[in-house]
Amino acid sequence: MKFKTILFSVSVMLSMCFNGVAAANGTAKAGSFNKEKDLLLAQFDCKTDVDDLHTVAALATLLSDSAFAGINYHAVAGAYGMQEGLYVPPNPLFLEAFGDNWTDAHANFEKAVEKVKTIVKPILANKGDVWIAEAGQSDFSAALIKAIQKDLPEIDTKQRFHVVQHSDWNEEVTTPECLRFVKTNADYHKIPDGNAEGNGTPGFRTPENIQLKKQIKNPKLLEIWQLAVDLSHQYNGKEGRYNNEAIAAGGVDFSDLSEACWILGLQDIKDVEAFFEVFGK
């Protein structure tokens, strides 16, 4: 492990030890996630861009690091809004990356809300907060928060739910009333787009081939990445789905990971190369 990687890991662990709870006024700052109490809820629309597949692999890579081992997290597939186009079936990848720690909202939206609600309730009861990384739209977030408000009216969701979004397009294809609801009833953060570099959050999209076998030393993670790549090429641009040019060129796009990085205080990671330098080796 290189010296700068060691320094980075130490700084991450220190920030997570001393971050405390979110700001008392309900407006949390980057890196305010409390690994002892909080829940990271990673929601993926998987419609119709295949970048979510790469983001799943990148999130699994991040969560395998010792600085984040053991944090409370849960993933949701099919958390999409009103966009047109075909779904990108991610189930084999979610199983490989997260085991049984994920929920399929595409198969049954209402059932998924009920399942995630049962995961969220103990977090709230233990004075923890819920941090939603929206690799997609806000429709599922709105339904979940409404369900919590119905069951636990004493919970101030504006204080306890932190929703992080990076994409203008994701906002545009969220059902309008859902976006208004989440912005009103949660601590909503719109951060700079993860598709670009140098804007204050990591830029995790490149058409360059990164040679995964050289970047990923963990065999299990390499399997996850290879499955993500295979599925992305299987569905990218097919049957009217969005054609992700970076992935079509043989590169990677895990731009949606910028939200989890913001939540966990990793916004200083500049780009794809820096990500794999820290978490791949």
Foldseek 3Di string as FASTA:
>chain_A
DDPVLVVVLVVLLVLLVPLPAADPVLQGFFQNANQVQAEEEEEAQQFFALQVLLLLLLVLLVCVDPSNPPGHYAYEYNPAAQDDHDGQDCVVLCCLRPNPRYYYCVVPVVVRLVVVLVVVVVSVVSVYAYEYLDNAAQQSVLSNLVVCCVVPVVDQQSRRYEYEAADPVRHVRHDVVSSVSCVVRYNYYHAHFLCDFDRQAANEFALDAPPLVVLAPDPSSSVSNVVSLVSNVVRACPPNGDHDNSSVSNHHRSRSCRSVCRNSVNRPQTYNVSSSVNRRD
